[in-house]
PDB file of N, CA and C in Angstrom:
ATOM      1  N   GLU A   1      79.439 117.319  93.522  1.00  0.00           N
ATOM      2  CA  GLU A   1      80.514 116.893  94.688  1.00  0.00           C
ATOM      3  C   GLU A   1      81.891 116.598  94.258  1.00  0.00           C
ATOM      4  N   VAL A   2      82.700 117.377  94.698  1.00  0.00           N
ATOM      5  CA  VAL A   2      84.079 116.758  94.333  1.00  0.00           C
ATOM      6  C   VAL A   2      84.525 115.729  95.024  1.00  0.00           C
ATOM      7  N   GLN A   3      85.362 114.541  94.098  1.00  0.00           N
ATOM      8  CA  GLN A   3      85.567 113.328  94.563  1.00  0.00           C
ATOM      9  C   GLN A   3      87.014 113.271  94.186  1.00  0.00           C
ATOM     10  N   VAL A   4      87.895 112.691  94.785  1.00  0.00           N
ATOM     11  CA  VAL A   4      88.923 112.013  93.946  1.00  0.00           C
ATOM     12  C   VAL A   4      89.034 110.550  94.603  1.00  0.00           C
ATOM     13  N   VAL A   5      89.549 109.285  93.448  1.00  0.00           N
ATOM     14  CA  VAL A   5      89.281 107.850  93.709  1.00  0.00           C
ATOM     15  C   VAL A   5      90.280 107.781  93.160  1.00  0.00           C
ATOM     16  N   GLU A   6      91.442 107.103  94.107  1.00  0.00           N
ATOM     17  CA  GLU A   6      92.871 106.272  93.767  1.00  0.00           C
ATOM     18  C   GLU A   6      92.293 104.587  93.351  1.00  0.00           C
ATOM     19  N   SER A   7      92.712 104.273  92.498  1.00  0.00           N
ATOM     20  CA  SER A   7      92.501 102.674  92.262  1.00  0.00           C
ATOM     21  C   SER A   7      93.786 102.205  91.461  1.00  0.00           C
ATOM     22  N   GLY A   8      94.325 100.539  91.504  1.00  0.00           N
ATOM     23  CA  GLY A   8      95.248 100.207  91.298  1.00  0.00           C
ATOM     24  C   GLY A   8      96.740  99.500  91.827  1.00  0.00           C
ATOM     25  N   GLY A   9      96.001  99.634  92.999  1.00  0.00           N
ATOM     26  CA  GLY A   9      97.295  98.899  94.117  1.00  0.00           C
ATOM     27  C   GLY A   9      96.999  97.715  94.020  1.00  0.00           C
ATOM     28  N   GLY A  10      98.264  97.160  95.252  1.00  0.00           N
ATOM     29  CA  GLY A  10      98.429  95.670  95.259  1.00  0.00           C
ATOM     30  C   GLY A  10      99.524  95.147  95.902  1.00  0.00           C
ATOM     31  N   ALA A  11      99.637  94.213  95.559  1.00  0.00           N
ATOM     32  CA  ALA A  11     100.906  93.753  96.038  1.00  0.00           C
ATOM     33  C   ALA A  11     101.712  93.047  94.731  1.00  0.00           C
ATOM     34  N   VAL A  12     102.922  93.211  94.752  1.00  0.00           N
ATOM     35  CA  VAL A  12     103.730  92.900  93.634  1.00  0.00           C
ATOM     36  C   VAL A  12     105.262  92.405  94.085  1.00  0.00           C
ATOM     37  N   GLN A  13     106.341  92.301  93.584  1.00  0.00           N
ATOM     38  CA  GLN A  13     107.139  91.487  93.786  1.00  0.00           C
ATOM     39  C   GLN A  13     108.394  92.920  93.489  1.00  0.00           C
ATOM     40  N   ALA A  14     109.697  92.767  94.268  1.00  0.00           N
ATOM     41  CA  ALA A  14     110.511  93.923  93.812  1.00  0.00           C
ATOM     42  C   ALA A  14     110.585  93.542  92.308  1.00  0.00           C
ATOM     43  N   GLY A  15     110.953  95.290  91.604  1.00  0.00           N
ATOM     44  CA  GLY A  15     111.336  94.618  90.090  1.00  0.00           C
ATOM     45  C   GLY A  15     110.032  95.054  89.203  1.00  0.00           C
ATOM     46  N   GLU A  16     109.095  94.713  89.882  1.00  0.00           N
ATOM     47  CA  GLU A  16     107.472  94.912  88.846  1.00  0.00           C
ATOM     48  C   GLU A  16     107.113  96.020  88.943  1.00  0.00           C
ATOM     49  N   SER A  17     106.345  96.353  88.377  1.00  0.00           N
ATOM     50  CA  SER A  17     105.513  97.382  87.822  1.00  0.00           C
ATOM     51  C   SER A  17     103.806  98.019  88.176  1.00  0.00           C
ATOM     52  N   LEU A  18     103.542  98.729  88.661  1.00  0.00           N
ATOM     53  CA  LEU A  18     102.131  98.991  88.884  1.00  0.00           C
ATOM     54  C   LEU A  18     102.131 100.225  88.082  1.00  0.00           C
ATOM     55  N   ARG A  19     100.342 100.828  87.821  1.00  0.00           N
ATOM     56  CA  ARG A  19     100.142 101.899  87.302  1.00  0.00           C
ATOM     57  C   ARG A  19      98.644 102.017  88.361  1.00  0.00           C
ATOM     58  N   LEU A  20      99.119 103.587  89.218  1.00  0.00           N
ATOM     59  CA  LEU A  20      97.671 103.956  89.625  1.00  0.00           C
ATOM     60  C   LEU A  20      97.099 104.641  88.764  1.00  0.00           C
ATOM     61  N   SER A  21      95.716 104.777  89.688  1.00  0.00           N
ATOM     62  CA  SER A  21      94.945 105.976  88.729  1.00  0.00           C
ATOM     63  C   SER A  21      94.061 106.412  89.528  1.00  0.00           C
ATOM     64  N   CYS A  22      93.866 107.435  89.424  1.00  0.00           N
ATOM     65  CA  CYS A  22      93.278 109.151  90.062  1.00  0.00           C
ATOM     66  C   CYS A  22      92.217 109.575  89.441  1.00  0.00           C
ATOM     67  N   THR A  23      90.915 109.097  89.508  1.00  0.00           N
ATOM     68  CA  THR A  23      89.864 109.250  89.105  1.00  0.00           C
ATOM     69  C   THR A  23      88.852 110.369  89.780  1.00  0.00           C
ATOM     70  N   ALA A  24      88.616 111.529  89.017  1.00  0.00           N
ATOM     71  CA  ALA A  24      88.118 112.561  89.658  1.00  0.00           C
ATOM     72  C   ALA A  24      87.029 113.275  89.023  1.00  0.00           C
ATOM     73  N   SER A  25      85.956 113.599  90.404  1.00  0.00           N
ATOM     74  CA  SER A  25      84.163 114.332  89.698  1.00  0.00           C
ATOM     75  C   SER A  25      84.535 115.329  90.510  1.00  0.00           C
ATOM     76  N   GLY A  26      83.639 116.199  89.646  1.00  0.00           N
ATOM     77  CA  GLY A  26      83.452 117.685  90.451  1.00  0.00           C
ATOM     78  C   GLY A  26      84.355 118.605  89.914  1.00  0.00           C
ATOM     79  N   PHE A  27      85.259 118.296  89.006  1.00  0.00           N
ATOM     80  CA  PHE A  27      86.187 118.890  88.725  1.00  0.00           C
ATOM     81  C   PHE A  27      87.287 118.784  87.688  1.00  0.00           C
ATOM     82  N   VAL A  28      87.705 119.157  87.053  1.00  0.00           N
ATOM     83  CA  VAL A  28      88.655 119.205  85.644  1.00  0.00           C
ATOM     84  C   VAL A  28      90.347 118.859  85.857  1.00  0.00           C
ATOM     85  N   VAL A  29      90.373 117.558  85.823  1.00  0.00           N
ATOM     86  CA  VAL A  29      92.226 117.739  86.404  1.00  0.00           C
ATOM     87  C   VAL A  29      92.775 118.312  85.310  1.00  0.00           C
ATOM     88  N   GLY A  30      92.432 118.531  84.158  1.00  0.00           N
ATOM     89  CA  GLY A  30      93.096 119.375  82.964  1.00  0.00           C
ATOM     90  C   GLY A  30      93.240 120.928  83.629  1.00  0.00           C
ATOM     91  N   ASP A  31      92.926 121.380  83.869  1.00  0.00           N
ATOM     92  CA  ASP A  31      92.520 122.417  84.730  1.00  0.00           C
ATOM     93  C   ASP A  31      93.346 122.772  86.396  1.00  0.00           C
ATOM     94  N   SER A  32      93.792 121.646  86.705  1.00  0.00           N
ATOM     95  CA  SER A  32      94.086 121.509  88.169  1.00  0.00           C
ATOM     96  C   SER A  32      95.488 120.984  88.469  1.00  0.00           C
ATOM     97  N   ARG A  33      96.138 120.963  89.426  1.00  0.00           N
ATOM     98  CA  ARG A  33      97.464 120.983  89.910  1.00  0.00           C
ATOM     99  C   ARG A  33      96.922 119.667  90.539  1.00  0.00           C
ATOM    100  N   MET A  34      97.615 118.486  89.902  1.00  0.00           N
ATOM    101  CA  MET A  34      97.469 117.325  90.419  1.00  0.00           C
ATOM    102  C   MET A  34      98.853 116.467  90.688  1.00  0.00           C
ATOM    103  N   ALA A  35      98.504 116.220  92.704  1.00  0.00           N
ATOM    104  CA  ALA A  35      99.845 115.127  92.962  1.00  0.00           C
ATOM    105  C   ALA A  35      99.430 113.940  93.404  1.00  0.00           C
ATOM    106  N   TRP A  36     100.692 113.192  93.835  1.00  0.00           N
ATOM    107  CA  TRP A  36     100.605 111.707  93.891  1.00  0.00           C
ATOM    108  C   TRP A  36     101.710 112.191  95.596  1.00  0.00           C
ATOM    109  N   TYR A  37     101.175 111.578  96.287  1.00  0.00           N
ATOM    110  CA  TYR A  37     102.169 111.246  97.637  1.00  0.00           C
ATOM    111  C   TYR A  37     101.543 109.852  98.497  1.00  0.00           C
ATOM    112  N   ARG A  38     102.420 109.803  99.192  1.00  0.00           N
ATOM    113  CA  ARG A  38     102.799 108.183  99.580  1.00  0.00           C
ATOM    114  C   ARG A  38     102.961 108.525 101.200  1.00  0.00           C
ATOM    115  N   GLN A  39     102.015 107.317 101.998  1.00  0.00           N
ATOM    116  CA  GLN A  39     102.317 107.231 103.416  1.00  0.00           C
ATOM    117  C   GLN A  39     102.947 105.938 104.125  1.00  0.00           C
ATOM    118  N   GLY A  40     104.117 105.830 104.219  1.00  0.00           N
ATOM    119  CA  GLY A  40     104.422 104.308 104.482  1.00  0.00           C
ATOM    120  C   GLY A  40     103.964 103.953 106.341  1.00  0.00           C
ATOM    121  N   SER A  41     104.337 103.180 106.794  1.00  0.00           N
ATOM    122  CA  SER A  41     103.931 103.061 108.097  1.00  0.00           C
ATOM    123  C   SER A  41     105.084 103.573 109.159  1.00  0.00           C
ATOM    124  N   GLY A  42     104.529 104.837 109.987  1.00  0.00           N
ATOM    125  CA  GLY A  42     105.571 105.317 110.410  1.00  0.00           C
ATOM    126  C   GLY A  42     106.597 106.452 110.194  1.00  0.00           C
ATOM    127  N   ASN A  43     105.707 107.058 108.977  1.00  0.00           N
ATOM    128  CA  ASN A  43     106.678 108.123 108.209  1.00  0.00           C
ATOM    129  C   ASN A  43     105.621 109.178 107.686  1.00  0.00           C
ATOM    130  N   GLU A  44     106.344 110.189 106.992  1.00  0.00           N
ATOM    131  CA  GLU A  44     105.718 111.509 107.036  1.00  0.00           C
ATOM    132  C   GLU A  44     105.203 111.086 105.946  1.00  0.00           C
ATOM    133  N   CYS A  45     103.947 112.322 105.335  1.00  0.00           N
ATOM    134  CA  CYS A  45     103.313 111.787 103.733  1.00  0.00           C
ATOM    135  C   CYS A  45     104.577 112.521 103.007  1.00  0.00           C
ATOM    136  N   GLU A  46     104.738 111.685 102.093  1.00  0.00           N
ATOM    137  CA  GLU A  46     106.142 112.246 101.090  1.00  0.00           C
ATOM    138  C   GLU A  46     105.742 112.299  99.798  1.00  0.00           C
ATOM    139  N   SER A  47     106.138 113.501  99.479  1.00  0.00           N
ATOM    140  CA  SER A  47     105.519 114.260  97.866  1.00  0.00           C
ATOM    141  C   SER A  47     106.477 113.483  97.338  1.00  0.00           C
ATOM    142  N   LEU A  48     105.538 112.812  96.106  1.00  0.00           N
ATOM    143  CA  LEU A  48     105.950 112.130  94.915  1.00  0.00           C
ATOM    144  C   LEU A  48     106.294 113.121  93.736  1.00  0.00           C
ATOM    145  N   SER A  49     104.976 113.325  93.606  1.00  0.00           N
ATOM    146  CA  SER A  49     105.338 113.937  91.531  1.00  0.00           C
ATOM    147  C   SER A  49     103.995 114.739  91.735  1.00  0.00           C
ATOM    148  N   LEU A  50     104.215 115.753  90.778  1.00  0.00           N
ATOM    149  CA  LEU A  50     102.645 116.423  90.661  1.00  0.00           C
ATOM    150  C   LEU A  50     102.657 117.211  89.023  1.00  0.00           C
ATOM    151  N   ILE A  51     101.780 117.247  88.324  1.00  0.00           N
ATOM    152  CA  ILE A  51     101.341 117.763  87.318  1.00  0.00           C
ATOM    153  C   ILE A  51     100.830 118.807  87.265  1.00  0.00           C
ATOM    154  N   ASP A  52     100.995 120.231  86.309  1.00  0.00           N
ATOM    155  CA  ASP A  52      99.890 121.188  86.527  1.00  0.00           C
ATOM    156  C   ASP A  52      99.066 121.245  85.401  1.00  0.00           C
ATOM    157  N   SER A  53      98.086 122.413  85.227  1.00  0.00           N
ATOM    158  CA  SER A  53      97.467 122.461  84.131  1.00  0.00           C
ATOM    159  C   SER A  53      98.228 122.840  82.771  1.00  0.00           C
ATOM    160  N   HIS A  54      99.407 123.050  82.393  1.00  0.00           N
ATOM    161  CA  HIS A  54      99.892 122.950  81.636  1.00  0.00           C
ATOM    162  C   HIS A  54     100.596 121.517  80.947  1.00  0.00           C
ATOM    163  N   GLY A  55     100.350 120.717  81.863  1.00  0.00           N
ATOM    164  CA  GLY A  55     100.969 119.474  81.919  1.00  0.00           C
ATOM    165  C   GLY A  55     102.501 119.456  82.107  1.00  0.00           C
ATOM    166  N   ARG A  56     103.070 120.562  82.602  1.00  0.00           N
ATOM    167  CA  ARG A  56     104.454 120.406  83.166  1.00  0.00           C
ATOM    168  C   ARG A  56     104.161 119.128  84.363  1.00  0.00           C
ATOM    169  N   THR A  57     105.375 118.456  84.643  1.00  0.00           N
ATOM    170  CA  THR A  57     105.422 117.382  85.576  1.00  0.00           C
ATOM    171  C   THR A  57     107.068 117.498  86.525  1.00  0.00           C
ATOM    172  N   SER A  58     106.808 117.163  87.271  1.00  0.00           N
ATOM    173  CA  SER A  58     107.511 117.472  88.819  1.00  0.00           C
ATOM    174  C   SER A  58     108.210 115.936  89.647  1.00  0.00           C
ATOM    175  N   TYR A  59     109.039 115.614  89.924  1.00  0.00           N
ATOM    176  CA  TYR A  59     109.042 114.566  90.669  1.00  0.00           C
ATOM    177  C   TYR A  59     110.305 114.601  91.762  1.00  0.00           C
ATOM    178  N   ALA A  60     109.945 113.850  93.324  1.00  0.00           N
ATOM    179  CA  ALA A  60     110.987 114.267  94.100  1.00  0.00           C
ATOM    180  C   ALA A  60     112.250 113.283  93.563  1.00  0.00           C
ATOM    181  N   ASP A  61     113.183 113.273  94.298  1.00  0.00           N
ATOM    182  CA  ASP A  61     114.706 112.655  93.874  1.00  0.00           C
ATOM    183  C   ASP A  61     114.331 111.140  94.028  1.00  0.00           C
ATOM    184  N   SER A  62     113.590 110.634  95.006  1.00  0.00           N
ATOM    185  CA  SER A  62     113.301 109.372  95.525  1.00  0.00           C
ATOM    186  C   SER A  62     112.396 108.725  94.364  1.00  0.00           C
ATOM    187  N   VAL A  63     112.069 108.957  93.541  1.00  0.00           N
ATOM    188  CA  VAL A  63     110.915 108.365  92.684  1.00  0.00           C
ATOM    189  C   VAL A  63     111.829 108.906  91.374  1.00  0.00           C
ATOM    190  N   LYS A  64     112.103 109.601  90.913  1.00  0.00           N
ATOM    191  CA  LYS A  64     112.799 110.253  89.525  1.00  0.00           C
ATOM    192  C   LYS A  64     113.370 109.282  88.791  1.00  0.00           C
ATOM    193  N   GLY A  65     113.133 109.114  87.887  1.00  0.00           N
ATOM    194  CA  GLY A  65     113.096 107.811  86.646  1.00  0.00           C
ATOM    195  C   GLY A  65     112.749 106.462  86.874  1.00  0.00           C
ATOM    196  N   ARG A  66     111.742 106.689  87.812  1.00  0.00           N
ATOM    197  CA  ARG A  66     111.144 105.312  88.059  1.00  0.00           C
ATOM    198  C   ARG A  66     109.782 105.299  88.044  1.00  0.00           C
ATOM    199  N   PHE A  67     109.383 106.647  88.516  1.00  0.00           N
ATOM    200  CA  PHE A  67     108.271 106.539  88.358  1.00  0.00           C
ATOM    201  C   PHE A  67     107.408 107.796  87.063  1.00  0.00           C
ATOM    202  N   SER A  68     106.527 108.031  86.777  1.00  0.00           N
ATOM    203  CA  SER A  68     105.942 108.549  86.060  1.00  0.00           C
ATOM    204  C   SER A  68     104.717 109.299  86.087  1.00  0.00           C
ATOM    205  N   ILE A  69     104.355 110.272  86.214  1.00  0.00           N
ATOM    206  CA  ILE A  69     103.032 111.137  86.142  1.00  0.00           C
ATOM    207  C   ILE A  69     102.402 111.567  84.685  1.00  0.00           C
ATOM    208  N   SER A  70     101.111 111.044  84.796  1.00  0.00           N
ATOM    209  CA  SER A  70     100.572 111.234  83.229  1.00  0.00           C
ATOM    210  C   SER A  70      99.114 111.791  83.700  1.00  0.00           C
ATOM    211  N   ARG A  71      98.185 112.034  82.370  1.00  0.00           N
ATOM    212  CA  ARG A  71      96.667 112.387  82.960  1.00  0.00           C
ATOM    213  C   ARG A  71      96.301 112.075  81.459  1.00  0.00           C
ATOM    214  N   ASP A  72      94.783 111.617  81.461  1.00  0.00           N
ATOM    215  CA  ASP A  72      93.886 111.749  80.665  1.00  0.00           C
ATOM    216  C   ASP A  72      92.768 112.561  80.397  1.00  0.00           C
ATOM    217  N   ASN A  73      92.961 113.720  79.613  1.00  0.00           N
ATOM    218  CA  ASN A  73      91.630 114.815  80.414  1.00  0.00           C
ATOM    219  C   ASN A  73      90.260 113.975  79.858  1.00  0.00           C
ATOM    220  N   ALA A  74      90.291 113.549  78.433  1.00  0.00           N
ATOM    221  CA  ALA A  74      89.056 112.792  78.100  1.00  0.00           C
ATOM    222  C   ALA A  74      88.550 112.077  79.602  1.00  0.00           C
ATOM    223  N   LYS A  75      89.330 111.342  79.767  1.00  0.00           N
ATOM    224  CA  LYS A  75      88.832 109.973  81.100  1.00  0.00           C
ATOM    225  C   LYS A  75      88.714 110.974  82.688  1.00  0.00           C
ATOM    226  N   ASN A  76      89.290 112.225  82.522  1.00  0.00           N
ATOM    227  CA  ASN A  76      89.370 112.784  83.878  1.00  0.00           C
ATOM    228  C   ASN A  76      90.483 112.277  84.734  1.00  0.00           C
ATOM    229  N   THR A  77      91.466 111.870  84.590  1.00  0.00           N
ATOM    230  CA  THR A  77      92.256 111.040  85.615  1.00  0.00           C
ATOM    231  C   THR A  77      93.364 110.954  85.458  1.00  0.00           C
ATOM    232  N   VAL A  78      94.538 110.806  86.330  1.00  0.00           N
ATOM    233  CA  VAL A  78      95.626 111.287  86.205  1.00  0.00           C
ATOM    234  C   VAL A  78      96.385 109.905  86.364  1.00  0.00           C
ATOM    235  N   TYR A  79      97.642 109.508  85.916  1.00  0.00           N
ATOM    236  CA  TYR A  79      97.897 108.389  86.502  1.00  0.00           C
ATOM    237  C   TYR A  79      99.619 108.408  86.928  1.00  0.00           C
ATOM    238  N   LEU A  80      99.785 107.173  87.742  1.00  0.00           N
ATOM    239  CA  LEU A  80     101.228 107.153  88.489  1.00  0.00           C
ATOM    240  C   LEU A  80     101.705 105.811  87.847  1.00  0.00           C
ATOM    241  N   GLN A  81     102.335 105.686  86.743  1.00  0.00           N
ATOM    242  CA  GLN A  81     103.457 104.795  86.517  1.00  0.00           C
ATOM    243  C   GLN A  81     104.468 104.541  87.321  1.00  0.00           C
ATOM    244  N   MET A  82     104.633 103.339  87.937  1.00  0.00           N
ATOM    245  CA  MET A  82     105.425 103.050  88.963  1.00  0.00           C
ATOM    246  C   MET A  82     106.366 101.826  88.432  1.00  0.00           C
ATOM    247  N   ASN A  83     107.129 101.703  88.584  1.00  0.00           N
ATOM    248  CA  ASN A  83     108.590 100.635  87.655  1.00  0.00           C
ATOM    249  C   ASN A  83     109.302 100.443  88.598  1.00  0.00           C
ATOM    250  N   SER A  84     110.345  99.269  88.429  1.00  0.00           N
ATOM    251  CA  SER A  84     111.551  98.618  89.129  1.00  0.00           C
ATOM    252  C   SER A  84     111.054  98.990  90.522  1.00  0.00           C
ATOM    253  N   LEU A  85     109.658  98.842  91.130  1.00  0.00           N
ATOM    254  CA  LEU A  85     109.456  99.060  92.050  1.00  0.00           C
ATOM    255  C   LEU A  85     110.358  98.041  93.641  1.00  0.00           C
ATOM    256  N   LYS A  86     110.519  98.674  95.022  1.00  0.00           N
ATOM    257  CA  LYS A  86     110.984  98.428  95.979  1.00  0.00           C
ATOM    258  C   LYS A  86     110.407  98.307  97.009  1.00  0.00           C
ATOM    259  N   PRO A  87     110.920  97.103  97.745  1.00  0.00           N
ATOM    260  CA  PRO A  87     110.160  96.912  99.200  1.00  0.00           C
ATOM    261  C   PRO A  87     109.750  98.663  99.807  1.00  0.00           C
ATOM    262  N   GLU A  88     111.057  99.467  99.475  1.00  0.00           N
ATOM    263  CA  GLU A  88     110.546 100.565 100.389  1.00  0.00           C
ATOM    264  C   GLU A  88     109.821 101.605 100.169  1.00  0.00           C
ATOM    265  N   ASP A  89     109.240 100.892  98.483  1.00  0.00           N
ATOM    266  CA  ASP A  89     107.833 101.949  98.197  1.00  0.00           C
ATOM    267  C   ASP A  89     106.753 101.498  98.728  1.00  0.00           C
ATOM    268  N   THR A  90     106.660 100.524  99.634  1.00  0.00           N
ATOM    269  CA  THR A  90     105.620  99.828 100.410  1.00  0.00           C
ATOM    270  C   THR A  90     104.909 101.169 100.783  1.00  0.00           C
ATOM    271  N   ALA A  91     103.615 101.565 100.338  1.00  0.00           N
ATOM    272  CA  ALA A  91     102.534 102.672 101.352  1.00  0.00           C
ATOM    273  C   ALA A  91     101.480 102.496 101.250  1.00  0.00           C
ATOM    274  N   VAL A  92     100.781 103.708 101.372  1.00  0.00           N
ATOM    275  CA  VAL A  92      99.177 103.883 101.307  1.00  0.00           C
ATOM    276  C   VAL A  92      99.966 104.668 100.311  1.00  0.00           C
ATOM    277  N   TYR A  93      99.247 105.156  98.660  1.00  0.00           N
ATOM    278  CA  TYR A  93      99.371 106.234  97.698  1.00  0.00           C
ATOM    279  C   TYR A  93      98.373 106.932  97.378  1.00  0.00           C
ATOM    280  N   TYR A  94      98.370 108.334  97.724  1.00  0.00           N
ATOM    281  CA  TYR A  94      97.515 109.184  97.608  1.00  0.00           C
ATOM    282  C   TYR A  94      97.440 110.437  96.526  1.00  0.00           C
ATOM    283  N   CYS A  95      96.200 110.900  96.125  1.00  0.00           N
ATOM    284  CA  CYS A  95      95.802 111.768  94.598  1.00  0.00           C
ATOM    285  C   CYS A  95      95.457 112.586  95.237  1.00  0.00           C
ATOM    286  N   ALA A  96      95.787 113.858  95.182  1.00  0.00           N
ATOM    287  CA  ALA A  96      95.333 114.879  95.587  1.00  0.00           C
ATOM    288  C   ALA A  96      94.887 116.164  94.699  1.00  0.00           C
ATOM    289  N   ALA A  97      94.432 117.071  94.584  1.00  0.00           N
ATOM    290  CA  ALA A  97      94.184 118.148  93.570  1.00  0.00           C
ATOM    291  C   ALA A  97      94.750 119.268  94.497  1.00  0.00           C
ATOM    292  N   VAL A  98      95.548 119.724  94.562  1.00  0.00           N
ATOM    293  CA  VAL A  98      96.496 120.912  95.180  1.00  0.00           C
ATOM    294  C   VAL A  98      96.377 122.212  95.052  1.00  0.00           C
ATOM    295  N   PRO A  99      96.696 123.185  96.070  1.00  0.00           N
ATOM    296  CA  PRO A  99      96.496 124.537  95.561  1.00  0.00           C
ATOM    297  C   PRO A  99      97.990 124.836  95.125  1.00  0.00           C
ATOM    298  N   PRO A 100      98.327 125.740  94.751  1.00  0.00           N
ATOM    299  CA  PRO A 100      99.086 126.717  93.714  1.00  0.00           C
ATOM    300  C   PRO A 100     101.017 126.200  94.673  1.00  0.00           C
ATOM    301  N   TRP A 101     100.320 126.558  96.217  1.00  0.00           N
ATOM    302  CA  TRP A 101     101.811 126.991  96.756  1.00  0.00           C
ATOM    303  C   TRP A 101     102.393 125.706  97.099  1.00  0.00           C
ATOM    304  N   ILE A 102     101.349 124.568  97.053  1.00  0.00           N
ATOM    305  CA  ILE A 102     102.177 123.257  97.309  1.00  0.00           C
ATOM    306  C   ILE A 102     103.132 122.637  95.662  1.00  0.00           C
ATOM    307  N   LEU A 103     104.120 122.192  96.525  1.00  0.00           N
ATOM    308  CA  LEU A 103     105.265 122.032  95.994  1.00  0.00           C
ATOM    309  C   LEU A 103     105.951 120.818  95.972  1.00  0.00           C
ATOM    310  N   VAL A 104     106.341 120.002  94.789  1.00  0.00           N
ATOM    311  CA  VAL A 104     106.974 118.664  94.857  1.00  0.00           C
ATOM    312  C   VAL A 104     107.956 119.012  95.761  1.00  0.00           C
ATOM    313  N   GLY A 105     108.230 117.840  96.521  1.00  0.00           N
ATOM    314  CA  GLY A 105     109.665 117.553  97.460  1.00  0.00           C
ATOM    315  C   GLY A 105     109.019 118.218  98.929  1.00  0.00           C
ATOM    316  N   ILE A 106     107.972 118.792  98.905  1.00  0.00           N
ATOM    317  CA  ILE A 106     107.594 119.601 100.392  1.00  0.00           C
ATOM    318  C   ILE A 106     107.036 118.396 100.997  1.00  0.00           C
ATOM    319  N   ASN A 107     107.339 117.481 102.141  1.00  0.00           N
ATOM    320  CA  ASN A 107     106.226 116.169 103.101  1.00  0.00           C
ATOM    321  C   ASN A 107     105.605 117.035 103.967  1.00  0.00           C
ATOM    322  N   LEU A 108     104.321 116.394 104.072  1.00  0.00           N
ATOM    323  CA  LEU A 108     103.316 116.991 105.024  1.00  0.00           C
ATOM    324  C   LEU A 108     103.567 115.434 106.277  1.00  0.00           C
ATOM    325  N   ARG A 109     103.065 116.361 107.347  1.00  0.00           N
ATOM    326  CA  ARG A 109     103.026 115.286 108.553  1.00  0.00           C
ATOM    327  C   ARG A 109     102.163 113.965 108.013  1.00  0.00           C
ATOM    328  N   THR A 110     101.338 114.245 107.614  1.00  0.00           N
ATOM    329  CA  THR A 110     100.390 113.305 107.456  1.00  0.00           C
ATOM    330  C   THR A 110      99.680 113.170 106.232  1.00  0.00           C
ATOM    331  N   CYS A 111      99.049 112.698 105.786  1.00  0.00           N
ATOM    332  CA  CYS A 111      98.379 112.094 104.763  1.00  0.00           C
ATOM    333  C   CYS A 111      97.095 111.300 105.175  1.00  0.00           C
ATOM    334  N   PRO A 112      95.802 112.190 104.817  1.00  0.00           N
ATOM    335  CA  PRO A 112      95.691 113.319 103.524  1.00  0.00           C
ATOM    336  C   PRO A 112      96.297 114.423 104.314  1.00  0.00           C
ATOM    337  N   GLY A 113      96.505 115.303 103.270  1.00  0.00           N
ATOM    338  CA  GLY A 113      97.031 116.634 103.761  1.00  0.00           C
ATOM    339  C   GLY A 113      95.453 117.571 104.335  1.00  0.00           C
ATOM    340  N   LEU A 114      95.617 119.063 104.533  1.00  0.00           N
ATOM    341  CA  LEU A 114      94.571 119.722 105.123  1.00  0.00           C
ATOM    342  C   LEU A 114      94.119 120.672 104.198  1.00  0.00           C
ATOM    343  N   TYR A 115      94.751 121.077 102.652  1.00  0.00           N
ATOM    344  CA  TYR A 115      94.830 121.402 101.636  1.00  0.00           C
ATOM    345  C   TYR A 115      94.378 120.673 100.623  1.00  0.00           C
ATOM    346  N   GLY A 116      93.202 121.113  99.762  1.00  0.00           N
ATOM    347  CA  GLY A 116      93.118 120.420  98.478  1.00  0.00           C
ATOM    348  C   GLY A 116      91.828 119.793  98.737  1.00  0.00           C
ATOM    349  N   ASN A 117      91.744 118.428  97.402  1.00  0.00           N
ATOM    350  CA  ASN A 117      90.972 117.862  97.650  1.00  0.00           C
ATOM    351  C   ASN A 117      91.799 116.108  97.676  1.00  0.00           C
ATOM    352  N   TRP A 118      91.060 115.288  98.463  1.00  0.00           N
ATOM    353  CA  TRP A 118      92.185 114.175  98.349  1.00  0.00           C
ATOM    354  C   TRP A 118      91.270 112.691  98.330  1.00  0.00           C
ATOM    355  N   GLY A 119      91.944 111.696  97.622  1.00  0.00           N
ATOM    356  CA  GLY A 119      91.465 110.551  98.126  1.00  0.00           C
ATOM    357  C   GLY A 119      91.605 109.631  98.868  1.00  0.00           C
ATOM    358  N   GLN A 120      91.044 109.187  99.068  1.00  0.00           N
ATOM    359  CA  GLN A 120      91.161 107.808 100.528  1.00  0.00           C
ATOM    360  C   GLN A 120      92.476 106.963 100.150  1.00  0.00           C
ATOM    361  N   GLY A 121      93.280 107.181  99.463  1.00  0.00           N
ATOM    362  CA  GLY A 121      94.480 106.178  99.235  1.00  0.00           C
ATOM    363  C   GLY A 121      94.270 104.931  98.974  1.00  0.00           C
ATOM    364  N   THR A 122      95.460 104.287  98.534  1.00  0.00           N
ATOM    365  CA  THR A 122      95.441 103.085  97.647  1.00  0.00           C
ATOM    366  C   THR A 122      96.752 102.128  98.169  1.00  0.00           C
ATOM    367  N   GLN A 123      96.793 101.044  98.879  1.00  0.00           N
ATOM    368  CA  GLN A 123      98.012 100.191  99.227  1.00  0.00           C
ATOM    369  C   GLN A 123      98.700  99.602  98.221  1.00  0.00           C
ATOM    370  N   VAL A 124      99.809  99.576  98.337  1.00  0.00           N
ATOM    371  CA  VAL A 124     100.645  98.857  97.447  1.00  0.00           C
ATOM    372  C   VAL A 124     101.911  98.536  98.427  1.00  0.00           C
ATOM    373  N   THR A 125     101.871  97.428  98.089  1.00  0.00           N
ATOM    374  CA  THR A 125     102.728  96.480  98.890  1.00  0.00           C
ATOM    375  C   THR A 125     103.930  95.633  98.280  1.00  0.00           C
ATOM    376  N   VAL A 126     105.261  96.342  98.133  1.00  0.00           N
ATOM    377  CA  VAL A 126     106.207  95.307  97.695  1.00  0.00           C
ATOM    378  C   VAL A 126     107.167  94.822  98.409  1.00  0.00           C
ATOM    379  N   SER A 127     107.069  93.325  98.151  1.00  0.00           N
ATOM    380  CA  SER A 127     107.911  91.943  98.947  1.00  0.00           C
ATOM    381  C   SER A 127     108.913  91.791  98.213  1.00  0.00           C
ATOM    382  N   SER A 128     110.244  91.772  98.796  1.00  0.00           N
ATOM    383  CA  SER A 128     111.442  91.405  97.959  1.00  0.00           C
ATOM    384  C   SER A 128     111.656  89.857  97.863  1.00  0.00           C
TER     385      SER A 128
END
């Protein structure tokens, strides 16, 4: 069974950091394109970052320089390191294995998306 599970969310103060984890089963993250999205209240599903099977990474302008995506093939896990968090980063964060035509910066109407394998999301709340 293919499954993606996010963890690591929580409530933090502005300026603090969090690391989200995305653990997969039923497929190999090292062979996949793995992406992070988020959806805040009343907002669309925002594309944040992606790592491909070659380890190449890409980021949306909104998080470039603050967020970092990485993976641990031995643990079949992808991470999103989030630094200098802001109240506007408050959202439910989703991890997904996405097909080749999904690019960073192309937002979706809602998370989870229609294509790929998505997790259930993890809540991040940043207070000022």
